[in-house]
Amino acid sequence: FARTVYQTAYLKRHHPAAYMAAFMQHKPGFYPMNTVLEEAKHMGVRILPVDIWLSGVRYQLEQGAIRLPLTQVLGLSEAVAADIVLHRPFCPTLLSLRQHVHVPVDVWEALARAGAFDSEMPRRDALWQVGMPVTPDALGRRQLTLFPEALNPSLLPWLERLTEEFIIAWDMETTSMAPRQHPIGLHRPLLQNFGVVPIEQVKRMASDTRARVAGLVIVSQRPPTAKGMRFLVLEDETGRLSIAITPPVFERQPQTLRSDLLVLEGVIQEAGATYRSMLVERGWSVRELAGSREDLEAAVVARHRAPRLSRSNPLKTS
């Protein structure tokens, strides 16, 4: 065991990108994959999003960064990803790739929503193109049923560009990850106005200091031997913090404290030079603070633990 620890420490120190790529490929189950991705970022490793022309079947290194694989998109199997990788050298466009790779339209929609075509077109334009019907001809070959001139990008309808909030929401929904930005970072201006400090700053605070923090709940436990105590791990774009909630505090705000996106106020507890935790006194959900951002919380946070694809109209403007 000691040798394993030494080897792991060496790899993390000298080959962080390769180590984290292998670690993410293994898909350990205790933490959400987005937390593993954030750990790689904290180690100084750049994360590159899913790209239909560059991503492979597995996590891979690309100029010192980690490129997310096609298989990170929910519903896309290794076999389908391998088929895409096999055909794309001979298919210069999305439409030609659709003609040669035989997969349900749901898969193409998931790739478009995940931003796999961002390098050549906005997501809503990609969704429009993958929605064009493709049918087999008399020989069983698939062909587009529309006239070629109908595929001219200049003839596409004007589709409102997605906001950063919804881009991250679609990332989380389709890949369980937000490679471009941590979801809590979107709320940072609002949180600063409410007196919330980044978790990294909390790690430098002295014991018995009162503070407010915010983040995604990535771990929630209520051990039967803890006399009703609840323990959480809260994550923002700067780090993670252990949280303890006593039964009286939880009973005052049971619905709020069950939210996956929380603002918590409490007393910092110090243990050693760098370890900090918080004993909670009260909490808020982002819905209570943001009001008009209810849809964002529902889109980003409700899918954080078990994301699933939506079959709603992908072109609808919210």
Protein backbone atom coordinates (compact mmCIF):
# COMPACT_ATOMS: atom_id res chain seq x y z
CA PHE A 1 0.00 0.00 0.00
CA ALA A 2 2.81 2.42 0.82
CA ARG A 3 4.36 1.82 -2.59
CA THR A 4 1.02 2.54 -4.28
CA VAL A 5 0.73 5.80 -2.35
CA TYR A 6 4.27 6.79 -3.34
CA GLN A 7 3.69 5.99 -7.01
CA THR A 8 0.40 7.91 -7.03
CA ALA A 9 1.99 10.95 -5.39
CA TYR A 10 4.84 10.86 -7.92
CA LEU A 11 2.44 10.72 -10.88
CA LYS A 12 0.27 13.53 -9.52
CA ARG A 13 3.33 15.72 -9.02
CA HIS A 14 5.19 15.02 -12.26
CA HIS A 15 2.51 13.82 -14.71
CA PRO A 16 -0.79 15.36 -13.49
CA ALA A 17 -2.57 15.39 -16.86
CA ALA A 18 -1.78 11.74 -17.66
CA TYR A 19 -2.66 10.66 -14.12
CA MET A 20 -6.00 12.48 -14.08
CA ALA A 21 -6.91 11.28 -17.57
CA ALA A 22 -6.41 7.69 -16.43
CA PHE A 23 -8.25 8.39 -13.19
CA MET A 24 -11.26 9.87 -15.05
CA GLN A 25 -11.28 6.96 -17.49
CA HIS A 26 -11.64 4.61 -14.52
CA LYS A 27 -14.75 6.60 -13.40
CA PRO A 28 -14.48 6.19 -9.63
CA GLY A 29 -17.92 6.26 -8.09
CA PHE A 30 -17.65 8.09 -4.75
CA TYR A 31 -17.50 11.63 -6.13
CA PRO A 32 -19.44 13.03 -9.11
CA MET A 33 -17.35 13.16 -12.28
CA ASN A 34 -17.55 16.95 -12.31
CA THR A 35 -15.76 16.98 -8.94
CA VAL A 36 -12.96 14.84 -10.40
CA LEU A 37 -12.79 17.30 -13.31
CA GLU A 38 -12.54 20.22 -10.87
CA GLU A 39 -9.72 18.43 -9.03
CA ALA A 40 -7.81 18.22 -12.32
CA LYS A 41 -8.32 21.96 -12.82
CA HIS A 42 -6.98 22.66 -9.31
CA MET A 43 -3.88 20.67 -10.26
CA GLY A 44 -3.33 23.04 -13.18
CA VAL A 45 -4.61 20.69 -15.90
CA ARG A 46 -6.66 22.21 -18.72
CA ILE A 47 -9.86 20.39 -19.67
CA LEU A 48 -10.97 20.44 -23.31
CA PRO A 49 -14.66 19.78 -24.07
CA VAL A 50 -16.15 17.06 -26.23
CA ASP A 51 -15.44 17.73 -29.92
CA ILE A 52 -16.88 15.60 -32.72
CA TRP A 53 -13.68 15.97 -34.77
CA LEU A 54 -11.07 15.68 -32.01
CA SER A 55 -12.46 13.53 -29.18
CA GLY A 56 -11.73 9.81 -29.10
CA VAL A 57 -13.35 6.84 -27.43
CA ARG A 58 -11.33 7.35 -24.23
CA TYR A 59 -9.87 10.29 -22.35
CA GLN A 60 -6.75 11.43 -24.13
CA LEU A 61 -3.96 13.99 -23.81
CA GLU A 62 -3.84 16.90 -26.22
CA GLN A 63 -0.89 19.30 -25.88
CA GLY A 64 -0.76 18.78 -22.12
CA ALA A 65 -4.54 19.07 -21.66
CA ILE A 66 -7.22 16.38 -21.20
CA ARG A 67 -9.70 16.03 -24.04
CA LEU A 68 -13.07 14.63 -22.95
CA PRO A 69 -14.13 11.55 -24.98
CA LEU A 70 -17.24 11.12 -27.11
CA THR A 71 -18.36 8.48 -24.61
CA GLN A 72 -18.71 11.19 -21.97
CA VAL A 73 -21.99 12.13 -23.68
CA LEU A 74 -24.80 10.20 -22.01
CA GLY A 75 -26.30 7.54 -24.23
CA LEU A 76 -23.29 7.31 -26.55
CA SER A 77 -21.68 3.86 -26.36
CA GLU A 78 -18.08 2.94 -27.08
CA ALA A 79 -19.20 1.18 -30.27
CA VAL A 80 -20.92 4.30 -31.61
CA ALA A 81 -17.96 6.50 -30.61
CA ALA A 82 -15.59 4.14 -32.42
CA ASP A 83 -17.81 4.27 -35.52
CA ILE A 84 -17.72 8.09 -35.50
CA VAL A 85 -13.92 8.10 -35.11
CA LEU A 86 -13.62 5.60 -37.97
CA HIS A 87 -15.75 7.60 -40.44
CA ARG A 88 -14.90 11.22 -39.65
CA PRO A 89 -11.66 11.38 -41.75
CA PHE A 90 -13.87 10.81 -44.82
CA CYS A 91 -16.74 13.10 -43.75
CA PRO A 92 -15.84 16.80 -43.90
CA THR A 93 -19.21 18.03 -42.62
CA LEU A 94 -21.73 17.17 -39.93
CA LEU A 95 -24.30 16.27 -42.58
CA SER A 96 -21.99 13.84 -44.35
CA LEU A 97 -21.06 12.28 -41.01
CA ARG A 98 -24.76 11.75 -40.28
CA GLN A 99 -25.16 9.97 -43.60
CA HIS A 100 -22.40 7.46 -42.85
CA VAL A 101 -22.78 6.82 -39.10
CA HIS A 102 -26.06 5.02 -38.41
CA VAL A 103 -27.25 6.07 -34.95
CA PRO A 104 -30.60 7.38 -33.65
CA VAL A 105 -31.25 11.09 -33.92
CA ASP A 106 -31.27 11.21 -30.10
CA VAL A 107 -27.52 10.58 -30.14
CA TRP A 108 -26.89 13.45 -32.56
CA GLU A 109 -29.09 15.74 -30.47
CA ALA A 110 -27.13 14.81 -27.33
CA LEU A 111 -23.85 15.58 -29.11
CA ALA A 112 -25.18 18.93 -30.31
CA ARG A 113 -26.46 19.85 -26.85
CA ALA A 114 -23.10 18.83 -25.36
CA GLY A 115 -21.30 21.30 -27.64
CA ALA A 116 -19.56 18.65 -29.74
CA PHE A 117 -20.03 20.86 -32.82
CA ASP A 118 -19.11 24.17 -31.15
CA SER A 119 -15.94 24.43 -33.25
CA GLU A 120 -17.99 24.93 -36.41
CA MET A 121 -21.44 26.19 -35.40
CA PRO A 122 -23.50 27.32 -32.36
CA ARG A 123 -25.43 24.63 -30.54
CA ARG A 124 -28.89 25.60 -31.71
CA ASP A 125 -27.72 25.64 -35.33
CA ALA A 126 -26.24 22.17 -34.80
CA LEU A 127 -29.54 20.97 -33.31
CA TRP A 128 -31.35 22.29 -36.36
CA GLN A 129 -29.03 20.40 -38.70
CA VAL A 130 -29.17 17.09 -36.84
CA GLY A 131 -32.95 17.40 -36.87
CA MET A 132 -33.04 17.28 -40.69
CA PRO A 133 -34.55 13.97 -41.82
CA VAL A 134 -32.32 11.28 -43.25
CA THR A 135 -33.84 8.20 -44.93
CA PRO A 136 -32.44 5.12 -46.71
CA ASP A 137 -32.52 5.01 -50.50
CA ALA A 138 -33.41 1.99 -52.65
CA LEU A 139 -30.01 0.43 -51.96
CA GLY A 140 -30.28 0.93 -48.23
CA ARG A 141 -27.87 3.88 -48.20
CA ARG A 142 -28.90 6.83 -46.07
CA GLN A 143 -29.45 10.16 -47.77
CA LEU A 144 -30.82 13.56 -46.86
CA THR A 145 -34.42 14.01 -47.94
CA LEU A 146 -34.03 17.77 -48.42
CA PHE A 147 -32.56 19.49 -51.45
CA PRO A 148 -28.86 20.41 -51.03
CA GLU A 149 -29.64 24.12 -51.32
CA ALA A 150 -31.87 23.81 -48.27
CA LEU A 151 -28.73 22.99 -46.24
CA ASN A 152 -27.04 26.30 -47.03
CA PRO A 153 -26.07 27.77 -43.61
CA SER A 154 -27.13 31.22 -44.83
CA LEU A 155 -30.68 29.90 -45.16
CA LEU A 156 -30.89 28.67 -41.59
CA PRO A 157 -33.45 30.48 -39.43
CA TRP A 158 -32.13 32.98 -36.93
CA LEU A 159 -31.77 31.18 -33.61
CA GLU A 160 -31.06 33.11 -30.44
CA ARG A 161 -27.66 32.26 -28.97
CA LEU A 162 -27.64 30.35 -25.71
CA THR A 163 -26.62 32.24 -22.60
CA GLU A 164 -23.65 31.03 -20.57
CA GLU A 165 -26.10 29.75 -17.95
CA PHE A 166 -27.83 27.44 -20.38
CA ILE A 167 -24.59 26.30 -22.01
CA ILE A 168 -23.42 25.06 -18.62
CA ALA A 169 -26.86 23.57 -17.93
CA TRP A 170 -26.71 21.60 -21.19
CA ASP A 171 -23.13 20.51 -20.42
CA MET A 172 -24.24 19.11 -17.08
CA GLU A 173 -27.34 17.51 -18.56
CA THR A 174 -25.55 15.70 -21.37
CA THR A 175 -22.11 14.93 -19.92
CA SER A 176 -22.46 15.28 -16.11
CA MET A 177 -19.62 17.82 -16.38
CA ALA A 178 -19.11 21.56 -16.81
CA PRO A 179 -15.67 21.77 -18.42
CA ARG A 180 -15.97 25.45 -19.34
CA GLN A 181 -16.93 26.86 -15.94
CA HIS A 182 -18.06 25.56 -12.54
CA PRO A 183 -21.82 26.18 -12.15
CA ILE A 184 -21.33 28.16 -8.93
CA GLY A 185 -19.10 30.62 -10.79
CA LEU A 186 -22.16 31.91 -12.65
CA HIS A 187 -23.61 33.10 -9.36
CA ARG A 188 -20.44 34.69 -7.99
CA PRO A 189 -21.48 38.36 -8.48
CA LEU A 190 -24.79 37.70 -6.73
CA LEU A 191 -23.08 35.74 -3.96
CA GLN A 192 -20.49 38.46 -3.35
CA ASN A 193 -23.32 40.96 -2.81
CA PHE A 194 -24.71 38.57 -0.20
CA GLY A 195 -21.39 38.41 1.65
CA VAL A 196 -20.40 34.93 0.44
CA VAL A 197 -16.67 34.21 0.31
CA PRO A 198 -14.92 31.56 -1.84
CA ILE A 199 -14.09 28.30 -0.09
CA GLU A 200 -10.39 28.82 -0.76
CA GLN A 201 -10.55 31.96 1.40
CA VAL A 202 -12.29 30.05 4.19
CA LYS A 203 -9.28 27.73 4.43
CA ARG A 204 -7.23 30.67 5.70
CA MET A 205 -9.72 31.77 8.36
CA ALA A 206 -9.16 31.27 12.05
CA SER A 207 -11.30 29.01 14.23
CA ASP A 208 -14.60 30.49 15.52
CA THR A 209 -14.80 32.96 12.61
CA ARG A 210 -18.31 33.38 11.19
CA ALA A 211 -18.61 33.18 7.38
CA ARG A 212 -20.95 32.53 4.49
CA VAL A 213 -20.06 30.04 1.75
CA ALA A 214 -21.91 28.64 -1.26
CA GLY A 215 -21.57 25.61 -3.46
CA LEU A 216 -22.85 22.36 -4.88
CA VAL A 217 -23.51 19.55 -2.41
CA ILE A 218 -21.37 16.69 -3.73
CA VAL A 219 -21.61 14.42 -0.66
CA SER A 220 -24.45 14.13 1.85
CA GLN A 221 -24.34 11.71 4.77
CA ARG A 222 -26.36 11.05 7.92
CA PRO A 223 -24.60 8.21 9.79
CA PRO A 224 -26.92 6.26 12.11
CA THR A 225 -24.39 6.64 14.94
CA ALA A 226 -24.13 10.45 14.65
CA LYS A 227 -27.29 11.23 16.70
CA GLY A 228 -29.04 13.01 13.83
CA MET A 229 -26.06 15.03 12.63
CA ARG A 230 -25.78 15.61 8.88
CA PHE A 231 -22.47 15.94 7.09
CA LEU A 232 -22.04 17.52 3.66
CA VAL A 233 -19.18 18.36 1.34
CA LEU A 234 -19.73 21.69 -0.40
CA GLU A 235 -17.87 22.52 -3.62
CA ASP A 236 -17.34 25.81 -5.44
CA GLU A 237 -14.92 26.76 -8.23
CA THR A 238 -12.08 27.20 -5.70
CA GLY A 239 -12.31 24.07 -3.56
CA ARG A 240 -14.34 21.92 -1.17
CA LEU A 241 -15.43 22.34 2.44
CA SER A 242 -16.74 19.86 5.02
CA ILE A 243 -20.06 20.90 6.55
CA ALA A 244 -21.81 19.77 9.77
CA ILE A 245 -25.50 20.44 10.47
CA THR A 246 -27.04 19.75 13.88
CA PRO A 247 -30.58 18.31 14.15
CA PRO A 248 -32.14 21.56 15.54
CA VAL A 249 -30.72 23.63 12.65
CA PHE A 250 -31.90 21.10 10.06
CA GLU A 251 -35.40 20.89 11.58
CA ARG A 252 -35.81 24.68 11.23
CA GLN A 253 -35.06 24.59 7.48
CA PRO A 254 -35.53 21.01 6.22
CA GLN A 255 -36.56 21.89 2.66
CA THR A 256 -33.89 24.54 2.17
CA LEU A 257 -31.09 22.37 3.53
CA ARG A 258 -32.03 19.51 1.18
CA SER A 259 -31.20 21.67 -1.84
CA ASP A 260 -28.22 20.66 -3.96
CA LEU A 261 -27.11 24.28 -4.32
CA LEU A 262 -26.75 26.02 -0.98
CA VAL A 263 -25.58 29.19 0.69
CA LEU A 264 -24.61 28.41 4.28
CA GLU A 265 -23.71 30.63 7.23
CA GLY A 266 -21.89 29.25 10.21
CA VAL A 267 -18.80 29.08 12.37
CA ILE A 268 -15.47 27.96 10.97
CA GLN A 269 -13.76 25.16 12.86
CA GLU A 270 -10.01 24.73 12.58
CA ALA A 271 -8.10 21.47 12.75
CA GLY A 272 -4.43 21.82 11.90
CA ALA A 273 -2.77 24.30 9.58
CA THR A 274 -4.97 23.85 6.50
CA TYR A 275 -8.08 21.83 7.38
CA ARG A 276 -11.28 23.79 7.94
CA SER A 277 -14.91 22.80 8.37
CA MET A 278 -18.11 24.71 9.13
CA LEU A 279 -20.79 24.21 11.78
CA VAL A 280 -23.92 25.57 10.11
CA GLU A 281 -26.27 28.04 11.79
CA ARG A 282 -28.60 28.78 8.86
CA GLY A 283 -28.86 28.33 5.11
CA TRP A 284 -30.49 29.55 1.91
CA SER A 285 -31.07 28.01 -1.47
CA VAL A 286 -30.03 29.94 -4.53
CA ARG A 287 -33.73 30.09 -5.45
CA GLU A 288 -34.38 32.17 -2.34
CA LEU A 289 -31.58 34.57 -3.22
CA ALA A 290 -31.82 34.71 -7.00
CA GLY A 291 -35.58 34.67 -7.50
CA SER A 292 -35.52 35.10 -11.26
CA ARG A 293 -32.84 32.40 -11.58
CA GLU A 294 -35.16 29.57 -10.55
CA ASP A 295 -34.97 28.04 -14.00
CA LEU A 296 -31.18 28.10 -13.90
CA GLU A 297 -31.06 26.28 -10.57
CA ALA A 298 -33.50 23.69 -11.85
CA ALA A 299 -31.55 23.21 -15.07
CA VAL A 300 -28.07 23.04 -13.56
CA VAL A 301 -28.48 21.65 -10.08
CA ALA A 302 -31.41 19.25 -10.23
CA ARG A 303 -29.45 17.23 -12.80
CA HIS A 304 -26.12 17.38 -10.92
CA ARG A 305 -26.43 13.96 -9.33
CA ALA A 306 -28.39 12.04 -11.98
CA PRO A 307 -28.41 13.96 -15.24
CA ARG A 308 -30.72 12.77 -18.00
CA LEU A 309 -31.52 13.91 -21.47
CA SER A 310 -34.55 16.09 -22.07
CA ARG A 311 -36.84 15.41 -24.98
CA SER A 312 -38.23 18.97 -24.91
CA ASN A 313 -37.96 21.18 -27.98
CA PRO A 314 -34.21 21.97 -28.22
CA LEU A 315 -34.85 25.08 -30.33
CA LYS A 316 -37.22 26.72 -27.89
CA THR A 317 -36.03 30.09 -26.59
CA SER A 318 -36.23 30.35 -22.80
